[in-house]
Amino acid sequence: MNRLDLTLAKKLLKINAIMLQPDRPFLWGNGWNAPIYNDNKITLSYPDVRRFVKVELSRLILENFPDVEVVASVAMGSIAMGALVADTLGLPFVYVRDVPKDHGLENLIEGNFEPGQHVVLIEDLVSTGQNAIKALHEMRLAGGEVLGMVAMFTYEFQQALDSFREEGLDLITLTNYNAMIEAALEDGHLKNEDIDNFELWHDAPESWTPVSLGMD
């Protein structure tokens, strides 16, 4: 039986939506060093992958949150995919800004929904979970009843898992860090000797540095 998480991880690695550089770490926007970089927006350029993700995210929503009335994207990175999913499901679509507009209505939530409606958040990538929690709070403040969140990929950081648990936010994803490691080994993107370095990073991503890799 095919595993969805492994299948998607292989697709993301193949199109470089997930890039692995254990010997030349990336610098993330939050200042962390990391041997991995994820840019799921690239999936939009590949019709077969885009369609696969759209269909599977829609399926996750229908199976887990059948009472959904509105699809809401978290921040900017997931707007396009969120709109595709909402269109597939025939539902209204909104998105939550990182910061309010500095003109006009100064909205944080763009789009129209009614207080009391059942909302499912959608995200392309979950790392620390801070953007998701912020979006959750904004939707709740606006009167939305958030049923849960679906995402394409999660790093499975303990920080995010703890935050979601505290907020009572159910997260369901198509694939994840551990499936990605398995897929990368199977398809030759990683060697067995790389795994310890990835696990050191995954256990403490905020303090990991390239020195941990034995680099000068």
N, C-alpha and C. Protein backbone atom coordinates (compact mmCIF):
# COMPACT_ATOMS: atom_id res chain seq x y z
N MET A 1 0.85 -1.19 0.00
CA MET A 1 0.00 0.00 0.00
C MET A 1 0.88 1.24 0.00
N ASN A 2 0.58 2.20 -0.90
CA ASN A 2 1.36 3.43 -0.98
C ASN A 2 1.10 4.32 0.22
N ARG A 3 2.16 4.93 0.70
CA ARG A 3 2.06 5.87 1.81
C ARG A 3 2.03 7.29 1.26
N LEU A 4 1.01 8.03 1.62
CA LEU A 4 0.86 9.40 1.13
C LEU A 4 2.03 10.27 1.57
N ASP A 5 2.44 10.16 2.86
CA ASP A 5 3.50 11.04 3.35
C ASP A 5 4.81 10.80 2.61
N LEU A 6 5.13 9.54 2.32
CA LEU A 6 6.36 9.21 1.61
C LEU A 6 6.27 9.63 0.14
N THR A 7 5.12 9.41 -0.48
CA THR A 7 4.93 9.78 -1.88
C THR A 7 5.12 11.28 -2.09
N LEU A 8 4.48 12.09 -1.24
CA LEU A 8 4.61 13.53 -1.40
C LEU A 8 6.02 14.00 -1.07
N ALA A 9 6.64 13.44 -0.05
CA ALA A 9 8.01 13.82 0.29
C ALA A 9 8.93 13.61 -0.90
N LYS A 10 8.76 12.50 -1.60
CA LYS A 10 9.59 12.23 -2.78
C LYS A 10 9.33 13.24 -3.89
N LYS A 11 8.07 13.61 -4.07
CA LYS A 11 7.74 14.61 -5.08
C LYS A 11 8.37 15.95 -4.74
N LEU A 12 8.32 16.35 -3.48
CA LEU A 12 8.88 17.64 -3.06
C LEU A 12 10.40 17.66 -3.20
N LEU A 13 11.04 16.55 -2.90
CA LEU A 13 12.49 16.47 -3.07
C LEU A 13 12.87 16.52 -4.54
N LYS A 14 12.09 15.87 -5.38
CA LYS A 14 12.41 15.79 -6.80
C LYS A 14 12.38 17.16 -7.47
N ILE A 15 11.45 18.03 -7.06
CA ILE A 15 11.33 19.35 -7.69
C ILE A 15 12.06 20.43 -6.91
N ASN A 16 12.82 20.02 -5.90
CA ASN A 16 13.59 20.95 -5.05
C ASN A 16 12.71 21.90 -4.24
N ALA A 17 11.49 21.49 -3.96
CA ALA A 17 10.69 22.22 -2.98
C ALA A 17 11.29 22.00 -1.59
N ILE A 18 11.95 20.87 -1.43
CA ILE A 18 12.77 20.60 -0.24
C ILE A 18 14.21 20.41 -0.72
N MET A 19 15.11 21.22 -0.17
CA MET A 19 16.52 21.14 -0.52
C MET A 19 17.34 20.76 0.72
N LEU A 20 18.26 19.84 0.55
CA LEU A 20 19.06 19.34 1.65
C LEU A 20 20.53 19.63 1.39
N GLN A 21 21.18 20.33 2.33
CA GLN A 21 22.59 20.65 2.22
C GLN A 21 23.28 20.45 3.56
N PRO A 22 23.54 19.21 3.94
CA PRO A 22 24.17 18.96 5.24
C PRO A 22 25.56 19.56 5.37
N ASP A 23 26.25 19.78 4.25
CA ASP A 23 27.61 20.33 4.31
C ASP A 23 27.65 21.85 4.12
N ARG A 24 26.54 22.44 3.66
CA ARG A 24 26.48 23.88 3.44
C ARG A 24 25.13 24.39 3.94
N PRO A 25 24.99 24.54 5.24
CA PRO A 25 23.69 24.87 5.83
C PRO A 25 23.12 26.19 5.32
N PHE A 26 21.81 26.24 5.31
CA PHE A 26 21.07 27.45 4.97
C PHE A 26 20.91 28.33 6.20
N LEU A 27 20.69 29.62 5.98
CA LEU A 27 20.33 30.53 7.07
C LEU A 27 18.87 30.88 6.91
N TRP A 28 18.05 30.50 7.88
CA TRP A 28 16.62 30.79 7.84
C TRP A 28 16.35 32.24 8.20
N GLY A 29 15.18 32.72 7.85
CA GLY A 29 14.81 34.09 8.14
C GLY A 29 14.76 34.42 9.61
N ASN A 30 14.55 33.42 10.46
CA ASN A 30 14.51 33.66 11.91
C ASN A 30 15.90 33.60 12.54
N GLY A 31 16.94 33.44 11.70
CA GLY A 31 18.30 33.42 12.22
C GLY A 31 18.85 32.04 12.49
N TRP A 32 18.05 31.00 12.34
CA TRP A 32 18.52 29.64 12.58
C TRP A 32 19.37 29.15 11.41
N ASN A 33 20.41 28.39 11.72
CA ASN A 33 21.12 27.62 10.71
C ASN A 33 20.39 26.29 10.52
N ALA A 34 20.34 25.81 9.29
CA ALA A 34 19.61 24.56 9.03
C ALA A 34 20.18 23.85 7.81
N PRO A 35 20.24 22.52 7.86
CA PRO A 35 20.71 21.74 6.71
C PRO A 35 19.61 21.49 5.69
N ILE A 36 18.46 22.13 5.88
CA ILE A 36 17.30 21.91 5.03
C ILE A 36 16.61 23.24 4.76
N TYR A 37 16.10 23.38 3.55
CA TYR A 37 15.30 24.56 3.22
C TYR A 37 14.08 24.10 2.43
N ASN A 38 12.94 24.64 2.79
CA ASN A 38 11.68 24.23 2.19
C ASN A 38 11.00 25.43 1.54
N ASP A 39 10.67 25.30 0.27
CA ASP A 39 9.95 26.36 -0.45
C ASP A 39 8.81 25.71 -1.24
N ASN A 40 7.71 25.47 -0.54
CA ASN A 40 6.59 24.74 -1.16
C ASN A 40 5.87 25.54 -2.23
N LYS A 41 6.14 26.84 -2.32
CA LYS A 41 5.52 27.63 -3.39
C LYS A 41 5.93 27.11 -4.76
N ILE A 42 7.08 26.43 -4.83
CA ILE A 42 7.55 25.86 -6.09
C ILE A 42 6.54 24.85 -6.65
N THR A 43 5.76 24.22 -5.78
CA THR A 43 4.79 23.23 -6.25
C THR A 43 3.79 23.83 -7.23
N LEU A 44 3.57 25.13 -7.14
CA LEU A 44 2.61 25.79 -8.03
C LEU A 44 3.07 25.76 -9.48
N SER A 45 4.37 25.60 -9.71
CA SER A 45 4.92 25.58 -11.06
C SER A 45 4.87 24.21 -11.71
N TYR A 46 4.46 23.19 -10.97
CA TYR A 46 4.41 21.82 -11.46
C TYR A 46 2.97 21.32 -11.40
N PRO A 47 2.26 21.33 -12.53
CA PRO A 47 0.83 21.01 -12.52
C PRO A 47 0.48 19.68 -11.86
N ASP A 48 1.31 18.64 -12.07
CA ASP A 48 0.98 17.34 -11.49
C ASP A 48 1.12 17.37 -9.98
N VAL A 49 2.17 18.02 -9.47
CA VAL A 49 2.36 18.12 -8.01
C VAL A 49 1.30 19.05 -7.42
N ARG A 50 1.06 20.16 -8.09
CA ARG A 50 0.05 21.12 -7.62
C ARG A 50 -1.31 20.44 -7.48
N ARG A 51 -1.67 19.67 -8.49
CA ARG A 51 -2.96 18.98 -8.48
C ARG A 51 -3.00 17.94 -7.36
N PHE A 52 -1.92 17.20 -7.19
CA PHE A 52 -1.84 16.19 -6.15
C PHE A 52 -2.05 16.81 -4.77
N VAL A 53 -1.34 17.91 -4.52
CA VAL A 53 -1.45 18.57 -3.21
C VAL A 53 -2.85 19.13 -3.00
N LYS A 54 -3.40 19.77 -4.03
CA LYS A 54 -4.74 20.35 -3.92
C LYS A 54 -5.78 19.29 -3.59
N VAL A 55 -5.72 18.19 -4.29
CA VAL A 55 -6.71 17.12 -4.09
C VAL A 55 -6.55 16.50 -2.70
N GLU A 56 -5.31 16.25 -2.29
CA GLU A 56 -5.10 15.59 -1.00
C GLU A 56 -5.41 16.50 0.18
N LEU A 57 -5.11 17.78 0.06
CA LEU A 57 -5.49 18.71 1.14
C LEU A 57 -7.01 18.81 1.24
N SER A 58 -7.68 18.84 0.09
CA SER A 58 -9.14 18.88 0.09
C SER A 58 -9.72 17.63 0.74
N ARG A 59 -9.11 16.49 0.44
CA ARG A 59 -9.56 15.23 1.04
C ARG A 59 -9.39 15.26 2.55
N LEU A 60 -8.24 15.75 3.03
CA LEU A 60 -8.00 15.82 4.47
C LEU A 60 -9.07 16.66 5.17
N ILE A 61 -9.43 17.77 4.54
CA ILE A 61 -10.45 18.64 5.14
C ILE A 61 -11.80 17.94 5.20
N LEU A 62 -12.20 17.32 4.10
CA LEU A 62 -13.50 16.65 4.08
C LEU A 62 -13.57 15.50 5.07
N GLU A 63 -12.47 14.75 5.19
CA GLU A 63 -12.47 13.59 6.08
C GLU A 63 -12.40 13.98 7.56
N ASN A 64 -11.68 15.07 7.87
CA ASN A 64 -11.44 15.40 9.27
C ASN A 64 -12.27 16.56 9.79
N PHE A 65 -12.71 17.43 8.89
CA PHE A 65 -13.48 18.60 9.31
C PHE A 65 -14.68 18.78 8.38
N PRO A 66 -15.59 17.83 8.38
CA PRO A 66 -16.71 17.85 7.42
C PRO A 66 -17.65 19.03 7.59
N ASP A 67 -17.61 19.71 8.74
CA ASP A 67 -18.50 20.85 8.98
C ASP A 67 -17.90 22.17 8.51
N VAL A 68 -16.77 22.12 7.81
CA VAL A 68 -16.09 23.34 7.37
C VAL A 68 -17.00 24.21 6.50
N GLU A 69 -16.92 25.52 6.73
CA GLU A 69 -17.69 26.48 5.93
C GLU A 69 -16.79 27.51 5.23
N VAL A 70 -15.58 27.69 5.74
CA VAL A 70 -14.65 28.66 5.19
C VAL A 70 -13.24 28.10 5.24
N VAL A 71 -12.46 28.29 4.18
CA VAL A 71 -11.04 27.94 4.16
C VAL A 71 -10.24 29.23 4.34
N ALA A 72 -9.28 29.21 5.27
CA ALA A 72 -8.48 30.40 5.57
C ALA A 72 -7.00 30.08 5.51
N SER A 73 -6.28 30.77 4.64
CA SER A 73 -4.84 30.56 4.53
C SER A 73 -4.10 31.34 5.61
N VAL A 74 -3.01 30.75 6.07
CA VAL A 74 -2.14 31.39 7.05
C VAL A 74 -1.06 32.17 6.31
N ALA A 75 -1.02 33.49 6.51
CA ALA A 75 0.01 34.35 5.92
C ALA A 75 0.04 34.24 4.41
N MET A 76 1.18 34.61 3.80
CA MET A 76 1.22 34.79 2.35
C MET A 76 1.55 33.50 1.59
N GLY A 77 2.40 32.66 2.15
CA GLY A 77 2.92 31.52 1.42
C GLY A 77 1.89 30.50 0.98
N SER A 78 0.77 30.45 1.66
CA SER A 78 -0.22 29.42 1.36
C SER A 78 -1.48 29.97 0.69
N ILE A 79 -1.45 31.23 0.27
CA ILE A 79 -2.65 31.84 -0.32
C ILE A 79 -3.08 31.11 -1.59
N ALA A 80 -2.14 30.90 -2.49
CA ALA A 80 -2.51 30.28 -3.78
C ALA A 80 -3.09 28.89 -3.58
N MET A 81 -2.42 28.06 -2.78
CA MET A 81 -2.92 26.71 -2.56
C MET A 81 -4.23 26.73 -1.79
N GLY A 82 -4.36 27.63 -0.84
CA GLY A 82 -5.61 27.74 -0.11
C GLY A 82 -6.78 28.08 -1.01
N ALA A 83 -6.54 29.00 -1.95
CA ALA A 83 -7.59 29.38 -2.89
C ALA A 83 -7.97 28.21 -3.79
N LEU A 84 -6.97 27.42 -4.21
CA LEU A 84 -7.24 26.24 -5.04
C LEU A 84 -8.08 25.22 -4.27
N VAL A 85 -7.74 25.02 -3.00
CA VAL A 85 -8.48 24.06 -2.18
C VAL A 85 -9.92 24.54 -1.95
N ALA A 86 -10.06 25.82 -1.64
CA ALA A 86 -11.41 26.37 -1.43
C ALA A 86 -12.25 26.23 -2.69
N ASP A 87 -11.63 26.45 -3.85
CA ASP A 87 -12.34 26.31 -5.11
C ASP A 87 -12.76 24.86 -5.33
N THR A 88 -11.86 23.93 -5.02
CA THR A 88 -12.17 22.51 -5.16
C THR A 88 -13.36 22.11 -4.29
N LEU A 89 -13.40 22.67 -3.09
CA LEU A 89 -14.46 22.33 -2.14
C LEU A 89 -15.72 23.18 -2.33
N GLY A 90 -15.62 24.22 -3.18
CA GLY A 90 -16.77 25.10 -3.38
C GLY A 90 -17.09 25.93 -2.16
N LEU A 91 -16.02 26.39 -1.46
CA LEU A 91 -16.20 27.13 -0.22
C LEU A 91 -15.61 28.53 -0.32
N PRO A 92 -16.09 29.47 0.54
CA PRO A 92 -15.46 30.79 0.61
C PRO A 92 -14.00 30.68 1.04
N PHE A 93 -13.21 31.68 0.63
CA PHE A 93 -11.79 31.70 0.97
C PHE A 93 -11.41 33.05 1.56
N VAL A 94 -10.61 33.03 2.64
CA VAL A 94 -10.03 34.24 3.22
C VAL A 94 -8.58 33.95 3.54
N TYR A 95 -7.81 35.00 3.82
CA TYR A 95 -6.45 34.77 4.31
C TYR A 95 -6.11 35.78 5.39
N VAL A 96 -5.18 35.38 6.25
CA VAL A 96 -4.80 36.18 7.41
C VAL A 96 -3.44 36.81 7.15
N ARG A 97 -3.36 38.11 7.23
CA ARG A 97 -2.10 38.82 7.01
C ARG A 97 -1.15 38.67 8.20
N ASP A 98 0.16 38.81 7.93
CA ASP A 98 1.15 38.86 9.00
C ASP A 98 0.99 40.13 9.82
N VAL A 99 0.76 41.23 9.11
CA VAL A 99 0.55 42.54 9.74
C VAL A 99 -0.61 43.21 9.05
N PRO A 100 -1.31 44.13 9.73
CA PRO A 100 -2.45 44.80 9.09
C PRO A 100 -2.00 45.66 7.91
N LYS A 101 -2.89 45.86 6.96
CA LYS A 101 -2.64 46.82 5.89
C LYS A 101 -2.41 48.20 6.50
N ASP A 102 -1.52 48.97 5.89
CA ASP A 102 -1.24 50.31 6.42
C ASP A 102 -2.07 51.38 5.73
N HIS A 103 -3.13 50.94 5.04
CA HIS A 103 -4.00 51.91 4.37
C HIS A 103 -5.39 51.29 4.25
N GLY A 104 -6.32 52.07 3.76
CA GLY A 104 -7.68 51.56 3.55
C GLY A 104 -8.31 51.08 4.84
N LEU A 105 -8.81 49.85 4.81
CA LEU A 105 -9.51 49.29 5.96
C LEU A 105 -8.57 48.73 7.02
N GLU A 106 -7.27 48.67 6.72
CA GLU A 106 -6.26 48.15 7.65
C GLU A 106 -6.63 46.74 8.14
N ASN A 107 -7.07 45.90 7.21
CA ASN A 107 -7.51 44.56 7.57
C ASN A 107 -6.35 43.65 7.94
N LEU A 108 -6.61 42.74 8.87
CA LEU A 108 -5.71 41.60 9.11
C LEU A 108 -6.25 40.38 8.39
N ILE A 109 -7.55 40.28 8.30
CA ILE A 109 -8.19 39.17 7.59
C ILE A 109 -8.78 39.72 6.29
N GLU A 110 -8.34 39.15 5.17
CA GLU A 110 -8.81 39.60 3.86
C GLU A 110 -9.84 38.60 3.33
N GLY A 111 -11.00 39.12 3.01
CA GLY A 111 -12.06 38.27 2.52
C GLY A 111 -13.29 38.41 3.42
N ASN A 112 -14.33 37.72 3.06
CA ASN A 112 -15.60 37.87 3.77
C ASN A 112 -16.03 36.56 4.42
N PHE A 113 -16.30 36.63 5.70
CA PHE A 113 -16.91 35.49 6.39
C PHE A 113 -17.75 36.03 7.53
N GLU A 114 -18.63 35.21 8.04
CA GLU A 114 -19.55 35.62 9.09
C GLU A 114 -19.12 35.05 10.44
N PRO A 115 -19.19 35.84 11.51
CA PRO A 115 -18.89 35.30 12.84
C PRO A 115 -19.73 34.06 13.11
N GLY A 116 -19.07 33.07 13.68
CA GLY A 116 -19.76 31.81 13.97
C GLY A 116 -19.55 30.75 12.92
N GLN A 117 -19.03 31.13 11.74
CA GLN A 117 -18.78 30.13 10.71
C GLN A 117 -17.61 29.23 11.08
N HIS A 118 -17.68 27.98 10.61
CA HIS A 118 -16.64 26.99 10.88
C HIS A 118 -15.49 27.15 9.89
N VAL A 119 -14.30 27.38 10.43
CA VAL A 119 -13.14 27.70 9.61
C VAL A 119 -12.08 26.61 9.74
N VAL A 120 -11.46 26.26 8.61
CA VAL A 120 -10.27 25.41 8.63
C VAL A 120 -9.09 26.23 8.11
N LEU A 121 -8.03 26.30 8.90
CA LEU A 121 -6.82 26.99 8.48
C LEU A 121 -6.01 26.08 7.55
N ILE A 122 -5.31 26.70 6.60
CA ILE A 122 -4.48 25.92 5.69
C ILE A 122 -3.10 26.58 5.61
N GLU A 123 -2.06 25.76 5.65
CA GLU A 123 -0.69 26.25 5.65
C GLU A 123 0.15 25.36 4.75
N ASP A 124 1.16 25.95 4.10
CA ASP A 124 2.02 25.12 3.26
C ASP A 124 3.11 24.47 4.09
N LEU A 125 3.59 25.18 5.12
CA LEU A 125 4.75 24.72 5.88
C LEU A 125 4.59 25.11 7.34
N VAL A 126 4.78 24.15 8.24
CA VAL A 126 4.73 24.43 9.68
C VAL A 126 6.12 24.21 10.26
N SER A 127 6.70 25.28 10.80
CA SER A 127 8.00 25.15 11.48
C SER A 127 7.80 25.41 12.97
N THR A 128 7.96 26.66 13.41
CA THR A 128 7.76 26.95 14.83
C THR A 128 6.29 27.00 15.20
N GLY A 129 5.42 27.22 14.22
CA GLY A 129 3.99 27.30 14.48
C GLY A 129 3.51 28.69 14.87
N GLN A 130 4.40 29.67 14.93
CA GLN A 130 4.02 31.00 15.39
C GLN A 130 3.01 31.67 14.46
N ASN A 131 3.22 31.55 13.16
CA ASN A 131 2.27 32.16 12.22
C ASN A 131 0.89 31.52 12.33
N ALA A 132 0.88 30.21 12.51
CA ALA A 132 -0.40 29.51 12.63
C ALA A 132 -1.15 29.94 13.88
N ILE A 133 -0.44 30.07 14.99
CA ILE A 133 -1.08 30.48 16.25
C ILE A 133 -1.61 31.90 16.14
N LYS A 134 -0.83 32.77 15.48
CA LYS A 134 -1.29 34.15 15.29
C LYS A 134 -2.56 34.17 14.45
N ALA A 135 -2.59 33.39 13.37
CA ALA A 135 -3.78 33.33 12.53
C ALA A 135 -4.97 32.77 13.30
N LEU A 136 -4.71 31.76 14.10
CA LEU A 136 -5.77 31.17 14.94
C LEU A 136 -6.39 32.23 15.84
N HIS A 137 -5.54 33.01 16.51
CA HIS A 137 -6.04 34.04 17.42
C HIS A 137 -6.86 35.08 16.67
N GLU A 138 -6.38 35.50 15.49
CA GLU A 138 -7.10 36.52 14.72
C GLU A 138 -8.46 36.01 14.26
N MET A 139 -8.50 34.75 13.81
CA MET A 139 -9.78 34.20 13.38
C MET A 139 -10.76 34.10 14.54
N ARG A 140 -10.25 33.70 15.69
CA ARG A 140 -11.12 33.60 16.86
C ARG A 140 -11.62 34.97 17.30
N LEU A 141 -10.72 35.98 17.28
CA LEU A 141 -11.12 37.34 17.65
C LEU A 141 -12.20 37.87 16.72
N ALA A 142 -12.13 37.45 15.46
CA ALA A 142 -13.12 37.90 14.47
C ALA A 142 -14.41 37.09 14.53
N GLY A 143 -14.46 36.11 15.41
CA GLY A 143 -15.69 35.35 15.58
C GLY A 143 -15.74 34.03 14.86
N GLY A 144 -14.64 33.65 14.20
CA GLY A 144 -14.62 32.36 13.51
C GLY A 144 -14.45 31.20 14.48
N GLU A 145 -15.10 30.10 14.19
CA GLU A 145 -14.92 28.88 14.98
C GLU A 145 -13.94 27.98 14.23
N VAL A 146 -12.70 27.97 14.69
CA VAL A 146 -11.65 27.24 13.99
C VAL A 146 -11.71 25.76 14.35
N LEU A 147 -11.96 24.93 13.34
CA LEU A 147 -12.07 23.49 13.57
C LEU A 147 -10.70 22.81 13.63
N GLY A 148 -9.72 23.35 12.92
CA GLY A 148 -8.40 22.74 12.87
C GLY A 148 -7.59 23.33 11.74
N MET A 149 -6.45 22.71 11.47
CA MET A 149 -5.58 23.18 10.40
C MET A 149 -5.03 22.00 9.62
N VAL A 150 -4.92 22.18 8.30
CA VAL A 150 -4.25 21.20 7.45
C VAL A 150 -3.04 21.88 6.83
N ALA A 151 -1.99 21.11 6.58
CA ALA A 151 -0.76 21.66 6.02
C ALA A 151 -0.11 20.64 5.10
N MET A 152 0.71 21.16 4.21
CA MET A 152 1.43 20.30 3.29
C MET A 152 2.57 19.57 4.01
N PHE A 153 3.33 20.31 4.84
CA PHE A 153 4.53 19.75 5.45
C PHE A 153 4.72 20.32 6.84
N THR A 154 5.19 19.50 7.77
CA THR A 154 5.56 19.96 9.10
C THR A 154 6.94 19.44 9.47
N TYR A 155 7.73 20.31 10.10
CA TYR A 155 9.04 19.89 10.60
C TYR A 155 8.92 19.06 11.88
N GLU A 156 7.73 19.04 12.47
CA GLU A 156 7.47 18.27 13.71
C GLU A 156 8.34 18.75 14.87
N PHE A 157 8.61 20.05 14.92
CA PHE A 157 9.34 20.60 16.06
C PHE A 157 8.47 20.51 17.31
N GLN A 158 9.09 20.16 18.43
CA GLN A 158 8.35 20.03 19.68
C GLN A 158 7.69 21.34 20.08
N GLN A 159 8.37 22.44 19.80
CA GLN A 159 7.82 23.76 20.12
C GLN A 159 6.45 23.97 19.48
N ALA A 160 6.33 23.62 18.21
CA ALA A 160 5.05 23.78 17.52
C ALA A 160 4.01 22.81 18.04
N LEU A 161 4.41 21.56 18.26
CA LEU A 161 3.47 20.56 18.76
C LEU A 161 2.89 20.97 20.11
N ASP A 162 3.76 21.50 20.98
CA ASP A 162 3.31 21.96 22.31
C ASP A 162 2.36 23.15 22.19
N SER A 163 2.69 24.09 21.30
CA SER A 163 1.85 25.28 21.13
C SER A 163 0.47 24.91 20.62
N PHE A 164 0.40 24.01 19.66
CA PHE A 164 -0.89 23.60 19.12
C PHE A 164 -1.72 22.88 20.17
N ARG A 165 -1.05 22.06 20.96
CA ARG A 165 -1.76 21.33 22.01
C ARG A 165 -2.35 22.31 23.03
N GLU A 166 -1.57 23.31 23.42
CA GLU A 166 -2.04 24.30 24.39
C GLU A 166 -3.23 25.10 23.85
N GLU A 167 -3.22 25.35 22.55
CA GLU A 167 -4.29 26.14 21.94
C GLU A 167 -5.49 25.29 21.53
N GLY A 168 -5.36 23.98 21.63
CA GLY A 168 -6.44 23.10 21.21
C GLY A 168 -6.63 23.09 19.71
N LEU A 169 -5.52 23.28 18.96
CA LEU A 169 -5.58 23.30 17.50
C LEU A 169 -5.14 21.97 16.94
N ASP A 170 -6.04 21.29 16.25
CA ASP A 170 -5.72 20.01 15.62
C ASP A 170 -5.00 20.26 14.29
N LEU A 171 -3.81 19.69 14.15
CA LEU A 171 -3.03 19.83 12.92
C LEU A 171 -2.95 18.48 12.22
N ILE A 172 -3.28 18.47 10.93
CA ILE A 172 -3.18 17.27 10.11
C ILE A 172 -2.39 17.63 8.86
N THR A 173 -1.36 16.86 8.55
CA THR A 173 -0.49 17.20 7.43
C THR A 173 -0.39 16.07 6.42
N LEU A 174 0.01 16.46 5.20
CA LEU A 174 0.21 15.47 4.15
C LEU A 174 1.52 14.73 4.31
N THR A 175 2.56 15.44 4.70
CA THR A 175 3.85 14.81 4.92
C THR A 175 4.59 15.54 6.03
N ASN A 176 5.78 15.06 6.38
CA ASN A 176 6.45 15.57 7.57
C ASN A 176 7.96 15.29 7.51
N TYR A 177 8.65 15.80 8.50
CA TYR A 177 10.11 15.68 8.56
C TYR A 177 10.58 14.23 8.50
N ASN A 178 9.99 13.38 9.29
CA ASN A 178 10.46 11.99 9.34
C ASN A 178 10.22 11.25 8.03
N ALA A 179 9.08 11.51 7.38
CA ALA A 179 8.83 10.91 6.08
C ALA A 179 9.81 11.44 5.05
N MET A 180 10.17 12.73 5.16
CA MET A 180 11.13 13.32 4.24
C MET A 180 12.50 12.67 4.38
N ILE A 181 12.94 12.43 5.62
CA ILE A 181 14.23 11.76 5.85
C ILE A 181 14.21 10.37 5.22
N GLU A 182 13.13 9.64 5.42
CA GLU A 182 13.00 8.30 4.84
C GLU A 182 13.04 8.35 3.32
N ALA A 183 12.31 9.30 2.73
CA ALA A 183 12.29 9.44 1.28
C ALA A 183 13.66 9.84 0.74
N ALA A 184 14.34 10.74 1.45
CA ALA A 184 15.65 11.22 1.01
C ALA A 184 16.68 10.09 1.01
N LEU A 185 16.61 9.21 1.99
CA LEU A 185 17.51 8.06 2.03
C LEU A 185 17.21 7.09 0.89
N GLU A 186 15.94 6.84 0.67
CA GLU A 186 15.55 5.88 -0.38
C GLU A 186 15.96 6.35 -1.76
N ASP A 187 15.86 7.68 -2.00
CA ASP A 187 16.11 8.20 -3.34
C ASP A 187 17.51 8.80 -3.52
N GLY A 188 18.34 8.65 -2.51
CA GLY A 188 19.73 9.07 -2.65
C GLY A 188 20.01 10.54 -2.42
N HIS A 189 19.07 11.27 -1.83
CA HIS A 189 19.31 12.68 -1.52
C HIS A 189 20.14 12.84 -0.26
N LEU A 190 20.15 11.80 0.58
CA LEU A 190 20.95 11.78 1.81
C LEU A 190 21.66 10.45 1.93
N LYS A 191 22.78 10.46 2.66
CA LYS A 191 23.49 9.25 3.00
C LYS A 191 23.24 8.92 4.47
N ASN A 192 23.42 7.67 4.82
CA ASN A 192 23.19 7.26 6.21
C ASN A 192 24.03 8.06 7.19
N GLU A 193 25.26 8.42 6.77
CA GLU A 193 26.13 9.16 7.69
C GLU A 193 25.68 10.60 7.92
N ASP A 194 24.72 11.08 7.12
CA ASP A 194 24.19 12.43 7.32
C ASP A 194 23.14 12.50 8.42
N ILE A 195 22.54 11.38 8.74
CA ILE A 195 21.34 11.38 9.59
C ILE A 195 21.60 11.94 10.98
N ASP A 196 22.74 11.58 11.59
CA ASP A 196 23.02 12.08 12.94
C ASP A 196 23.04 13.60 12.98
N ASN A 197 23.62 14.23 11.95
CA ASN A 197 23.67 15.68 11.90
C ASN A 197 22.27 16.28 11.78
N PHE A 198 21.42 15.66 10.98
CA PHE A 198 20.05 16.14 10.84
C PHE A 198 19.28 16.00 12.16
N GLU A 199 19.52 14.91 12.86
CA GLU A 199 18.82 14.71 14.13
C GLU A 199 19.29 15.70 15.20
N LEU A 200 20.59 16.01 15.20
CA LEU A 200 21.10 17.03 16.13
C LEU A 200 20.41 18.36 15.86
N TRP A 201 20.28 18.70 14.60
CA TRP A 201 19.60 19.94 14.24
C TRP A 201 18.13 19.88 14.65
N HIS A 202 17.46 18.79 14.35
CA HIS A 202 16.03 18.70 14.61
C HIS A 202 15.72 18.75 16.10
N ASP A 203 16.60 18.22 16.92
CA ASP A 203 16.38 18.22 18.36
C ASP A 203 16.54 19.61 18.97
N ALA A 204 17.41 20.46 18.39
CA ALA A 204 17.64 21.79 18.94
C ALA A 204 17.94 22.77 17.80
N PRO A 205 16.95 23.04 16.95
CA PRO A 205 17.20 23.85 15.76
C PRO A 205 17.61 25.29 16.07
N GLU A 206 17.16 25.80 17.22
CA GLU A 206 17.46 27.19 17.55
C GLU A 206 18.91 27.41 17.96
N SER A 207 19.60 26.34 18.39
CA SER A 207 20.98 26.50 18.86
C SER A 207 22.00 25.76 18.00
N TRP A 208 21.54 24.98 17.04
CA TRP A 208 22.44 24.22 16.18
C TRP A 208 23.21 25.17 15.28
N THR A 209 24.49 24.88 15.05
CA THR A 209 25.33 25.68 14.16
C THR A 209 26.10 24.76 13.23
N PRO A 210 26.64 25.28 12.16
CA PRO A 210 27.44 24.47 11.24
C PRO A 210 28.60 23.78 11.92
N VAL A 211 29.08 24.29 13.03
CA VAL A 211 30.18 23.65 13.75
C VAL A 211 29.80 22.24 14.17
N SER A 212 28.49 22.03 14.40
CA SER A 212 28.01 20.71 14.77
C SER A 212 28.28 19.67 13.70
N LEU A 213 28.52 20.16 12.48
CA LEU A 213 28.80 19.25 11.38
C LEU A 213 30.28 18.96 11.24
N GLY A 214 31.08 19.51 12.15
CA GLY A 214 32.51 19.31 12.06
C GLY A 214 33.16 20.23 11.07
N MET A 215 32.47 21.35 10.71
CA MET A 215 33.03 22.29 9.76
C MET A 215 33.98 23.23 10.48
N ASP A 216 34.96 23.75 9.74
CA ASP A 216 35.88 24.71 10.30
C ASP A 216 35.19 26.08 10.44
